[in-house]
PDB file of N, CA and C in Angstrom:
ATOM      1  N   MET A   1      58.639 148.002  80.803  1.00  0.00           N
ATOM      2  CA  MET A   1      59.683 147.274  80.125  1.00  0.00           C
ATOM      3  C   MET A   1      59.262 147.032  78.678  1.00  0.00           C
ATOM      4  N   SER A   2      60.208 147.099  77.802  1.00  0.00           N
ATOM      5  CA  SER A   2      59.886 146.926  76.382  1.00  0.00           C
ATOM      6  C   SER A   2      59.731 145.445  76.045  1.00  0.00           C
ATOM      7  N   ASN A   3      59.152 145.196  74.879  1.00  0.00           N
ATOM      8  CA  ASN A   3      58.949 143.820  74.426  1.00  0.00           C
ATOM      9  C   ASN A   3      60.268 143.087  74.213  1.00  0.00           C
ATOM     10  N   ILE A   4      61.269 143.807  73.728  1.00  0.00           N
ATOM     11  CA  ILE A   4      62.578 143.191  73.487  1.00  0.00           C
ATOM     12  C   ILE A   4      63.169 142.683  74.806  1.00  0.00           C
ATOM     13  N   ASN A   5      63.113 143.517  75.827  1.00  0.00           N
ATOM     14  CA  ASN A   5      63.644 143.105  77.133  1.00  0.00           C
ATOM     15  C   ASN A   5      62.843 141.943  77.722  1.00  0.00           C
ATOM     16  N   MET A   6      61.537 141.967  77.549  1.00  0.00           N
ATOM     17  CA  MET A   6      60.707 140.871  78.048  1.00  0.00           C
ATOM     18  C   MET A   6      61.041 139.563  77.339  1.00  0.00           C
ATOM     19  N   ASN A   7      61.266 139.636  76.026  1.00  0.00           N
ATOM     20  CA  ASN A   7      61.646 138.436  75.263  1.00  0.00           C
ATOM     21  C   ASN A   7      62.994 137.887  75.741  1.00  0.00           C
ATOM     22  N   ARG A   8      63.960 138.770  75.958  1.00  0.00           N
ATOM     23  CA  ARG A   8      65.275 138.342  76.445  1.00  0.00           C
ATOM     24  C   ARG A   8      65.161 137.678  77.814  1.00  0.00           C
ATOM     25  N   LEU A   9      64.358 138.269  78.662  1.00  0.00           N
ATOM     26  CA  LEU A   9      64.165 137.722  79.994  1.00  0.00           C
ATOM     27  C   LEU A   9      63.506 136.340  79.917  1.00  0.00           C
ATOM     28  N   HIS A  10      62.531 136.215  79.049  1.00  0.00           N
ATOM     29  CA  HIS A  10      61.848 134.932  78.873  1.00  0.00           C
ATOM     30  C   HIS A  10      62.807 133.872  78.311  1.00  0.00           C
ATOM     31  N   GLN A  11      63.636 134.241  77.343  1.00  0.00           N
ATOM     32  CA  GLN A  11      64.608 133.309  76.764  1.00  0.00           C
ATOM     33  C   GLN A  11      65.633 132.874  77.812  1.00  0.00           C
ATOM     34  N   ARG A  12      66.051 133.808  78.647  1.00  0.00           N
ATOM     35  CA  ARG A  12      67.022 133.488  79.694  1.00  0.00           C
ATOM     36  C   ARG A  12      66.429 132.471  80.679  1.00  0.00           C
ATOM     37  N   GLU A  13      65.166 132.664  81.028  1.00  0.00           N
ATOM     38  CA  GLU A  13      64.509 131.730  81.943  1.00  0.00           C
ATOM     39  C   GLU A  13      64.365 130.345  81.306  1.00  0.00           C
ATOM     40  N   GLU A  14      64.062 130.292  80.006  1.00  0.00           N
ATOM     41  CA  GLU A  14      63.955 129.008  79.316  1.00  0.00           C
ATOM     42  C   GLU A  14      65.298 128.293  79.296  1.00  0.00           C
ATOM     43  N   LYS A  15      66.372 129.027  79.017  1.00  0.00           N
ATOM     44  CA  LYS A  15      67.716 128.434  79.001  1.00  0.00           C
ATOM     45  C   LYS A  15      68.097 127.927  80.385  1.00  0.00           C
ATOM     46  N   ARG A  16      67.767 128.687  81.417  1.00  0.00           N
ATOM     47  CA  ARG A  16      68.073 128.274  82.782  1.00  0.00           C
ATOM     48  C   ARG A  16      67.334 126.983  83.133  1.00  0.00           C
ATOM     49  N   THR A  17      66.095 126.871  82.707  1.00  0.00           N
ATOM     50  CA  THR A  17      65.318 125.663  82.959  1.00  0.00           C
ATOM     51  C   THR A  17      65.944 124.459  82.253  1.00  0.00           C
ATOM     52  N   ILE A  18      66.372 124.654  81.005  1.00  0.00           N
ATOM     53  CA  ILE A  18      67.019 123.578  80.244  1.00  0.00           C
ATOM     54  C   ILE A  18      68.319 123.153  80.918  1.00  0.00           C
ATOM     55  N   VAL A  19      69.121 124.109  81.351  1.00  0.00           N
ATOM     56  CA  VAL A  19      70.390 123.812  82.018  1.00  0.00           C
ATOM     57  C   VAL A  19      70.145 123.063  83.324  1.00  0.00           C
ATOM     58  N   ASP A  20      69.164 123.501  84.087  1.00  0.00           N
ATOM     59  CA  ASP A  20      68.852 122.831  85.352  1.00  0.00           C
ATOM     60  C   ASP A  20      68.445 121.380  85.130  1.00  0.00           C
ATOM     61  N   SER A  21      67.611 121.133  84.122  1.00  0.00           N
ATOM     62  CA  SER A  21      67.169 119.754  83.873  1.00  0.00           C
ATOM     63  C   SER A  21      68.328 118.898  83.349  1.00  0.00           C
ATOM     64  N   THR A  22      69.195 119.467  82.529  1.00  0.00           N
ATOM     65  CA  THR A  22      70.358 118.738  82.031  1.00  0.00           C
ATOM     66  C   THR A  22      71.306 118.401  83.172  1.00  0.00           C
ATOM     67  N   LEU A  23      71.538 119.350  84.057  1.00  0.00           N
ATOM     68  CA  LEU A  23      72.404 119.123  85.207  1.00  0.00           C
ATOM     69  C   LEU A  23      71.845 118.020  86.099  1.00  0.00           C
ATOM     70  N   GLU A  24      70.549 118.050  86.336  1.00  0.00           N
ATOM     71  CA  GLU A  24      69.920 117.027  87.173  1.00  0.00           C
ATOM     72  C   GLU A  24      70.058 115.645  86.541  1.00  0.00           C
ATOM     73  N   LYS A  25      69.879 115.539  85.214  1.00  0.00           N
ATOM     74  CA  LYS A  25      70.028 114.255  84.519  1.00  0.00           C
ATOM     75  C   LYS A  25      71.455 113.737  84.646  1.00  0.00           C
ATOM     76  N   GLU A  26      72.441 114.614  84.477  1.00  0.00           N
ATOM     77  CA  GLU A  26      73.844 114.210  84.586  1.00  0.00           C
ATOM     78  C   GLU A  26      74.186 113.749  85.993  1.00  0.00           C
ATOM     79  N   GLN A  27      73.668 114.454  86.989  1.00  0.00           N
ATOM     80  CA  GLN A  27      73.926 114.049  88.363  1.00  0.00           C
ATOM     81  C   GLN A  27      73.295 112.692  88.670  1.00  0.00           C
ATOM     82  N   MET A  28      72.134 112.429  88.125  1.00  0.00           N
ATOM     83  CA  MET A  28      71.483 111.138  88.322  1.00  0.00           C
ATOM     84  C   MET A  28      72.288 110.022  87.656  1.00  0.00           C
ATOM     85  N   LYS A  29      72.855 110.293  86.458  1.00  0.00           N
ATOM     86  CA  LYS A  29      73.680 109.295  85.784  1.00  0.00           C
ATOM     87  C   LYS A  29      74.947 109.012  86.582  1.00  0.00           C
ATOM     88  N   GLN A  30      75.573 110.063  87.133  1.00  0.00           N
ATOM     89  CA  GLN A  30      76.777 109.877  87.940  1.00  0.00           C
ATOM     90  C   GLN A  30      76.475 109.064  89.197  1.00  0.00           C
ATOM     91  N   LYS A  31      75.353 109.359  89.848  1.00  0.00           N
ATOM     92  CA  LYS A  31      74.973 108.614  91.049  1.00  0.00           C
ATOM     93  C   LYS A  31      74.712 107.152  90.710  1.00  0.00           C
ATOM     94  N   ALA A  32      74.038 106.890  89.599  1.00  0.00           N
ATOM     95  CA  ALA A  32      73.750 105.513  89.195  1.00  0.00           C
ATOM     96  C   ALA A  32      75.053 104.758  88.935  1.00  0.00           C
ATOM     97  N   TRP A  33      76.010 105.381  88.256  1.00  0.00           N
ATOM     98  CA  TRP A  33      77.302 104.747  87.997  1.00  0.00           C
ATOM     99  C   TRP A  33      78.016 104.459  89.314  1.00  0.00           C
ATOM    100  N   HIS A  34      78.035 105.444  90.201  1.00  0.00           N
ATOM    101  CA  HIS A  34      78.698 105.288  91.489  1.00  0.00           C
ATOM    102  C   HIS A  34      78.068 104.145  92.283  1.00  0.00           C
ATOM    103  N   ASP A  35      76.742 104.099  92.348  1.00  0.00           N
ATOM    104  CA  ASP A  35      76.056 103.054  93.090  1.00  0.00           C
ATOM    105  C   ASP A  35      76.314 101.669  92.495  1.00  0.00           C
ATOM    106  N   ARG A  36      76.369 101.574  91.163  1.00  0.00           N
ATOM    107  CA  ARG A  36      76.634 100.292  90.503  1.00  0.00           C
ATOM    108  C   ARG A  36      78.034  99.789  90.830  1.00  0.00           C
ATOM    109  N   ASN A  37      79.016 100.686  90.784  1.00  0.00           N
ATOM    110  CA  ASN A  37      80.406 100.279  90.940  1.00  0.00           C
ATOM    111  C   ASN A  37      80.877 100.217  92.384  1.00  0.00           C
ATOM    112  N   LEU A  38      80.194 100.877  93.288  1.00  0.00           N
ATOM    113  CA  LEU A  38      80.606 100.879  94.687  1.00  0.00           C
ATOM    114  C   LEU A  38      80.564  99.477  95.274  1.00  0.00           C
ATOM    115  N   TRP A  39      79.543  98.724  94.953  1.00  0.00           N
ATOM    116  CA  TRP A  39      79.359  97.415  95.570  1.00  0.00           C
ATOM    117  C   TRP A  39      80.135  96.319  94.873  1.00  0.00           C
ATOM    118  N   LYS A  40      80.920  96.623  93.856  1.00  0.00           N
ATOM    119  CA  LYS A  40      81.760  95.618  93.210  1.00  0.00           C
ATOM    120  C   LYS A  40      82.990  95.299  94.052  1.00  0.00           C
ATOM    121  N   THR A  41      83.316  96.169  94.991  1.00  0.00           N
ATOM    122  CA  THR A  41      84.459  95.941  95.861  1.00  0.00           C
ATOM    123  C   THR A  41      84.190  94.728  96.733  1.00  0.00           C
ATOM    124  N   LYS A  42      85.142  93.815  96.761  1.00  0.00           N
ATOM    125  CA  LYS A  42      84.980  92.589  97.544  1.00  0.00           C
ATOM    126  C   LYS A  42      85.604  92.780  98.919  1.00  0.00           C
ATOM    127  N   ILE A  43      84.760  93.000  99.903  1.00  0.00           N
ATOM    128  CA  ILE A  43      85.201  93.094 101.293  1.00  0.00           C
ATOM    129  C   ILE A  43      84.369  92.101 102.086  1.00  0.00           C
ATOM    130  N   ASN A  44      85.058  91.183 102.759  1.00  0.00           N
ATOM    131  CA  ASN A  44      84.387  90.142 103.534  1.00  0.00           C
ATOM    132  C   ASN A  44      84.819  90.238 104.992  1.00  0.00           C
ATOM    133  N   VAL A  45      84.080  89.565 105.856  1.00  0.00           N
ATOM    134  CA  VAL A  45      84.446  89.496 107.263  1.00  0.00           C
ATOM    135  C   VAL A  45      85.819  88.826 107.357  1.00  0.00           C
ATOM    136  N   GLY A  46      86.717  89.452 108.096  1.00  0.00           N
ATOM    137  CA  GLY A  46      88.067  88.923 108.264  1.00  0.00           C
ATOM    138  C   GLY A  46      89.089  89.499 107.313  1.00  0.00           C
ATOM    139  N   SER A  47      88.657  90.201 106.266  1.00  0.00           N
ATOM    140  CA  SER A  47      89.617  90.766 105.315  1.00  0.00           C
ATOM    141  C   SER A  47      90.221  92.058 105.861  1.00  0.00           C
ATOM    142  N   LEU A  48      91.381  92.400 105.340  1.00  0.00           N
ATOM    143  CA  LEU A  48      92.067  93.624 105.740  1.00  0.00           C
ATOM    144  C   LEU A  48      91.666  94.760 104.808  1.00  0.00           C
ATOM    145  N   VAL A  49      91.401  95.935 105.392  1.00  0.00           N
ATOM    146  CA  VAL A  49      90.969  97.087 104.613  1.00  0.00           C
ATOM    147  C   VAL A  49      91.707  98.338 105.078  1.00  0.00           C
ATOM    148  N   LEU A  50      91.705  99.339 104.221  1.00  0.00           N
ATOM    149  CA  LEU A  50      92.191 100.663 104.571  1.00  0.00           C
ATOM    150  C   LEU A  50      90.984 101.574 104.739  1.00  0.00           C
ATOM    151  N   LEU A  51      91.087 102.526 105.657  1.00  0.00           N
ATOM    152  CA  LEU A  51      89.989 103.447 105.957  1.00  0.00           C
ATOM    153  C   LEU A  51      90.368 104.847 105.505  1.00  0.00           C
ATOM    154  N   TYR A  52      89.482 105.478 104.730  1.00  0.00           N
ATOM    155  CA  TYR A  52      89.724 106.847 104.282  1.00  0.00           C
ATOM    156  C   TYR A  52      89.202 107.814 105.324  1.00  0.00           C
ATOM    157  N   GLN A  53      90.079 108.703 105.780  1.00  0.00           N
ATOM    158  CA  GLN A  53      89.703 109.720 106.746  1.00  0.00           C
ATOM    159  C   GLN A  53      90.053 111.086 106.167  1.00  0.00           C
ATOM    160  N   PRO A  54      89.053 111.771 105.598  1.00  0.00           N
ATOM    161  CA  PRO A  54      89.329 113.043 104.936  1.00  0.00           C
ATOM    162  C   PRO A  54      89.910 114.100 105.875  1.00  0.00           C
ATOM    163  N   SER A  55      89.666 113.981 107.166  1.00  0.00           N
ATOM    164  CA  SER A  55      90.220 114.971 108.095  1.00  0.00           C
ATOM    165  C   SER A  55      91.738 114.922 108.084  1.00  0.00           C
ATOM    166  N   LEU A  56      92.329 113.757 107.819  1.00  0.00           N
ATOM    167  CA  LEU A  56      93.787 113.659 107.727  1.00  0.00           C
ATOM    168  C   LEU A  56      94.291 114.253 106.418  1.00  0.00           C
ATOM    169  N   TYR A  57      93.512 114.063 105.373  1.00  0.00           N
ATOM    170  CA  TYR A  57      93.933 114.475 104.045  1.00  0.00           C
ATOM    171  C   TYR A  57      93.907 115.990 103.871  1.00  0.00           C
ATOM    172  N   ASN A  58      92.967 116.680 104.512  1.00  0.00           N
ATOM    173  CA  ASN A  58      92.774 118.105 104.270  1.00  0.00           C
ATOM    174  C   ASN A  58      93.715 119.011 105.056  1.00  0.00           C
ATOM    175  N   LYS A  59      94.433 118.470 106.018  1.00  0.00           N
ATOM    176  CA  LYS A  59      95.301 119.316 106.815  1.00  0.00           C
ATOM    177  C   LYS A  59      96.539 119.707 106.016  1.00  0.00           C
ATOM    178  N   LYS A  60      96.865 120.974 106.038  1.00  0.00           N
ATOM    179  CA  LYS A  60      97.972 121.469 105.237  1.00  0.00           C
ATOM    180  C   LYS A  60      99.320 120.914 105.699  1.00  0.00           C
ATOM    181  N   GLU A  61      99.469 120.683 107.008  1.00  0.00           N
ATOM    182  CA  GLU A  61     100.755 120.190 107.475  1.00  0.00           C
ATOM    183  C   GLU A  61     101.006 118.744 107.048  1.00  0.00           C
ATOM    184  N   LYS A  62      99.967 118.053 106.662  1.00  0.00           N
ATOM    185  CA  LYS A  62     100.114 116.688 106.158  1.00  0.00           C
ATOM    186  C   LYS A  62      99.794 116.667 104.668  1.00  0.00           C
ATOM    187  N   LYS A  63     100.412 117.553 103.959  1.00  0.00           N
ATOM    188  CA  LYS A  63     100.107 117.765 102.556  1.00  0.00           C
ATOM    189  C   LYS A  63     100.329 116.519 101.698  1.00  0.00           C
ATOM    190  N   LEU A  64     101.318 115.727 102.025  1.00  0.00           N
ATOM    191  CA  LEU A  64     101.613 114.554 101.207  1.00  0.00           C
ATOM    192  C   LEU A  64     100.893 113.301 101.690  1.00  0.00           C
ATOM    193  N   SER A  65     100.093 113.419 102.723  1.00  0.00           N
ATOM    194  CA  SER A  65      99.337 112.285 103.235  1.00  0.00           C
ATOM    195  C   SER A  65      98.184 111.965 102.290  1.00  0.00           C
ATOM    196  N   THR A  66      97.858 110.680 102.193  1.00  0.00           N
ATOM    197  CA  THR A  66      96.773 110.281 101.298  1.00  0.00           C
ATOM    198  C   THR A  66      95.423 110.280 101.982  1.00  0.00           C
ATOM    199  N   GLY A  67      95.410 110.241 103.320  1.00  0.00           N
ATOM    200  CA  GLY A  67      94.147 110.167 104.034  1.00  0.00           C
ATOM    201  C   GLY A  67      93.712 108.747 104.332  1.00  0.00           C
ATOM    202  N   TRP A  68      94.433 107.739 103.804  1.00  0.00           N
ATOM    203  CA  TRP A  68      94.105 106.341 104.054  1.00  0.00           C
ATOM    204  C   TRP A  68      94.889 105.864 105.263  1.00  0.00           C
ATOM    205  N   THR A  69      94.195 105.244 106.221  1.00  0.00           N
ATOM    206  CA  THR A  69      94.848 104.708 107.408  1.00  0.00           C
ATOM    207  C   THR A  69      94.546 103.226 107.516  1.00  0.00           C
ATOM    208  N   GLY A  70      95.367 102.547 108.276  1.00  0.00           N
ATOM    209  CA  GLY A  70      95.118 101.126 108.467  1.00  0.00           C
ATOM    210  C   GLY A  70      96.388 100.340 108.280  1.00  0.00           C
ATOM    211  N   PRO A  71      96.301  99.069 108.136  1.00  0.00           N
ATOM    212  CA  PRO A  71      95.113  98.284 107.826  1.00  0.00           C
ATOM    213  C   PRO A  71      94.273  97.972 109.065  1.00  0.00           C
ATOM    214  N   PHE A  72      92.992  97.719 108.820  1.00  0.00           N
ATOM    215  CA  PHE A  72      92.046  97.291 109.839  1.00  0.00           C
ATOM    216  C   PHE A  72      91.440  95.966 109.386  1.00  0.00           C
ATOM    217  N   LYS A  73      90.920  95.232 110.347  1.00  0.00           N
ATOM    218  CA  LYS A  73      90.288  93.951 110.047  1.00  0.00           C
ATOM    219  C   LYS A  73      88.763  94.125 110.132  1.00  0.00           C
ATOM    220  N   VAL A  74      88.046  93.590 109.157  1.00  0.00           N
ATOM    221  CA  VAL A  74      86.585  93.664 109.142  1.00  0.00           C
ATOM    222  C   VAL A  74      86.044  92.646 110.138  1.00  0.00           C
ATOM    223  N   ARG A  75      85.316  93.128 111.149  1.00  0.00           N
ATOM    224  CA  ARG A  75      84.725  92.240 112.161  1.00  0.00           C
ATOM    225  C   ARG A  75      83.321  91.812 111.767  1.00  0.00           C
ATOM    226  N   GLU A  76      82.561  92.767 111.208  1.00  0.00           N
ATOM    227  CA  GLU A  76      81.167  92.483 110.884  1.00  0.00           C
ATOM    228  C   GLU A  76      80.697  93.441 109.800  1.00  0.00           C
ATOM    229  N   ILE A  77      79.873  92.941 108.891  1.00  0.00           N
ATOM    230  CA  ILE A  77      79.255  93.778 107.863  1.00  0.00           C
ATOM    231  C   ILE A  77      77.777  93.870 108.194  1.00  0.00           C
ATOM    232  N   LEU A  78      77.328  95.079 108.472  1.00  0.00           N
ATOM    233  CA  LEU A  78      75.948  95.316 108.876  1.00  0.00           C
ATOM    234  C   LEU A  78      75.108  95.793 107.698  1.00  0.00           C
ATOM    235  N   PRO A  79      73.773  95.765 107.825  1.00  0.00           N
ATOM    236  CA  PRO A  79      72.915  96.256 106.742  1.00  0.00           C
ATOM    237  C   PRO A  79      73.153  97.747 106.465  1.00  0.00           C
ATOM    238  N   GLN A  80      72.738  98.174 105.315  1.00  0.00           N
ATOM    239  CA  GLN A  80      72.791  99.581 104.887  1.00  0.00           C
ATOM    240  C   GLN A  80      74.210 100.087 104.695  1.00  0.00           C
ATOM    241  N   GLY A  81      75.200  99.201 104.563  1.00  0.00           N
ATOM    242  CA  GLY A  81      76.559  99.620 104.247  1.00  0.00           C
ATOM    243  C   GLY A  81      77.440  99.947 105.439  1.00  0.00           C
ATOM    244  N   ALA A  82      77.012  99.655 106.644  1.00  0.00           N
ATOM    245  CA  ALA A  82      77.839  99.892 107.827  1.00  0.00           C
ATOM    246  C   ALA A  82      78.779  98.713 108.026  1.00  0.00           C
ATOM    247  N   VAL A  83      80.008  99.022 108.460  1.00  0.00           N
ATOM    248  CA  VAL A  83      81.012  97.992 108.679  1.00  0.00           C
ATOM    249  C   VAL A  83      81.653  98.218 110.039  1.00  0.00           C
ATOM    250  N   CYS A  84      81.783  97.149 110.798  1.00  0.00           N
ATOM    251  CA  CYS A  84      82.428  97.197 112.109  1.00  0.00           C
ATOM    252  C   CYS A  84      83.878  96.756 111.911  1.00  0.00           C
ATOM    253  N   LEU A  85      84.824  97.589 112.336  1.00  0.00           N
ATOM    254  CA  LEU A  85      86.246  97.315 112.149  1.00  0.00           C
ATOM    255  C   LEU A  85      86.948  97.126 113.481  1.00  0.00           C
ATOM    256  N   SER A  86      88.113  96.497 113.425  1.00  0.00           N
ATOM    257  CA  SER A  86      88.982  96.418 114.589  1.00  0.00           C
ATOM    258  C   SER A  86      90.422  96.590 114.112  1.00  0.00           C
ATOM    259  N   THR A  87      91.278  96.989 115.024  1.00  0.00           N
ATOM    260  CA  THR A  87      92.699  97.083 114.702  1.00  0.00           C
ATOM    261  C   THR A  87      93.261  95.677 114.586  1.00  0.00           C
ATOM    262  N   LEU A  88      94.486  95.542 114.135  1.00  0.00           N
ATOM    263  CA  LEU A  88      95.104  94.224 114.015  1.00  0.00           C
ATOM    264  C   LEU A  88      95.331  93.588 115.387  1.00  0.00           C
ATOM    265  N   GLU A  89      95.417  94.433 116.419  1.00  0.00           N
ATOM    266  CA  GLU A  89      95.569  93.920 117.788  1.00  0.00           C
ATOM    267  C   GLU A  89      94.237  93.457 118.368  1.00  0.00           C
ATOM    268  N   GLY A  90      93.127  93.798 117.750  1.00  0.00           N
ATOM    269  CA  GLY A  90      91.818  93.354 118.196  1.00  0.00           C
ATOM    270  C   GLY A  90      90.944  94.426 118.827  1.00  0.00           C
ATOM    271  N   THR A  91      91.459  95.639 118.955  1.00  0.00           N
ATOM    272  CA  THR A  91      90.670  96.722 119.532  1.00  0.00           C
ATOM    273  C   THR A  91      89.586  97.163 118.551  1.00  0.00           C
ATOM    274  N   GLN A  92      88.344  97.149 119.019  1.00  0.00           N
ATOM    275  CA  GLN A  92      87.231  97.542 118.155  1.00  0.00           C
ATOM    276  C   GLN A  92      87.210  99.063 117.988  1.00  0.00           C
ATOM    277  N   ILE A  93      86.971  99.519 116.759  1.00  0.00           N
ATOM    278  CA  ILE A  93      86.810 100.954 116.508  1.00  0.00           C
ATOM    279  C   ILE A  93      85.383 101.205 116.054  1.00  0.00           C
ATOM    280  N   HIS A  94      85.035 102.453 115.885  1.00  0.00           N
ATOM    281  CA  HIS A  94      83.666 102.844 115.553  1.00  0.00           C
ATOM    282  C   HIS A  94      83.204 102.273 114.209  1.00  0.00           C
ATOM    283  N   LEU A  95      81.882 102.304 113.991  1.00  0.00           N
ATOM    284  CA  LEU A  95      81.309 101.875 112.717  1.00  0.00           C
ATOM    285  C   LEU A  95      81.673 102.871 111.626  1.00  0.00           C
ATOM    286  N   VAL A  96      81.900 102.368 110.444  1.00  0.00           N
ATOM    287  CA  VAL A  96      82.198 103.234 109.297  1.00  0.00           C
ATOM    288  C   VAL A  96      81.334 102.812 108.123  1.00  0.00           C
ATOM    289  N   ASN A  97      81.200 103.698 107.152  1.00  0.00           N
ATOM    290  CA  ASN A  97      80.444 103.406 105.942  1.00  0.00           C
ATOM    291  C   ASN A  97      81.323 102.630 104.979  1.00  0.00           C
ATOM    292  N   TRP A  98      80.727 101.689 104.294  1.00  0.00           N
ATOM    293  CA  TRP A  98      81.412 100.830 103.321  1.00  0.00           C
ATOM    294  C   TRP A  98      82.178 101.653 102.287  1.00  0.00           C
ATOM    295  N   SER A  99      81.627 102.780 101.873  1.00  0.00           N
ATOM    296  CA  SER A  99      82.236 103.578 100.807  1.00  0.00           C
ATOM    297  C   SER A  99      83.563 104.199 101.226  1.00  0.00           C
ATOM    298  N   ARG A 100      83.875 104.217 102.530  1.00  0.00           N
ATOM    299  CA  ARG A 100      85.140 104.780 103.004  1.00  0.00           C
ATOM    300  C   ARG A 100      86.235 103.736 103.123  1.00  0.00           C
ATOM    301  N   LEU A 101      85.976 102.523 102.634  1.00  0.00           N
ATOM    302  CA  LEU A 101      86.934 101.426 102.744  1.00  0.00           C
ATOM    303  C   LEU A 101      87.423 100.979 101.383  1.00  0.00           C
ATOM    304  N   LYS A 102      88.638 100.442 101.376  1.00  0.00           N
ATOM    305  CA  LYS A 102      89.135  99.761 100.178  1.00  0.00           C
ATOM    306  C   LYS A 102      89.991  98.588 100.636  1.00  0.00           C
ATOM    307  N   PRO A 103      90.031  97.516  99.862  1.00  0.00           N
ATOM    308  CA  PRO A 103      90.821  96.357 100.256  1.00  0.00           C
ATOM    309  C   PRO A 103      92.290  96.715 100.397  1.00  0.00           C
ATOM    310  N   HIS A 104      92.934  96.142 101.406  1.00  0.00           N
ATOM    311  CA  HIS A 104      94.361  96.374 101.632  1.00  0.00           C
ATOM    312  C   HIS A 104      95.154  95.374 100.810  1.00  0.00           C
ATOM    313  N   GLN A 105      96.074  95.881 100.005  1.00  0.00           N
ATOM    314  CA  GLN A 105      96.915  95.026  99.171  1.00  0.00           C
ATOM    315  C   GLN A 105      98.231  94.805  99.897  1.00  0.00           C
ATOM    316  N   LEU A 106      98.518  93.574 100.257  1.00  0.00           N
ATOM    317  CA  LEU A 106      99.778  93.261 100.917  1.00  0.00           C
ATOM    318  C   LEU A 106     100.898  93.318  99.897  1.00  0.00           C
ATOM    319  N   SER A 107     101.963  94.031 100.235  1.00  0.00           N
ATOM    320  CA  SER A 107     103.111  94.096  99.315  1.00  0.00           C
ATOM    321  C   SER A 107     104.102  93.020  99.686  1.00  0.00           C
ATOM    322  N   HIS A 108     104.681  92.423  98.679  1.00  0.00           N
ATOM    323  CA  HIS A 108     105.641  91.331  98.906  1.00  0.00           C
ATOM    324  C   HIS A 108     107.046  91.829  98.749  1.00  0.00           C
TER     325      HIS A 108
END
């Protein structure tokens, strides 16, 4: 291989390294922002919430569906972001992650 080709190859590798480090820094900044703002949501035991279920949102036949279901009542908030929910009738449903919930706004 000629020197010119070796130089080009070396420059390409340097650029790739720079891009990789820049991408990693940006992803870390996005994660930090997400983590800071995720916990600002006020959800307490007894409050009504909506649950995001992406399986509902991705189906083509439910194209206009938002993927949010509910409302559900918060029964218990567990460590590490787990939340125990129940239906309005009182039936307990499975544990969900805090990030899949949003407060339910009652319309008047």
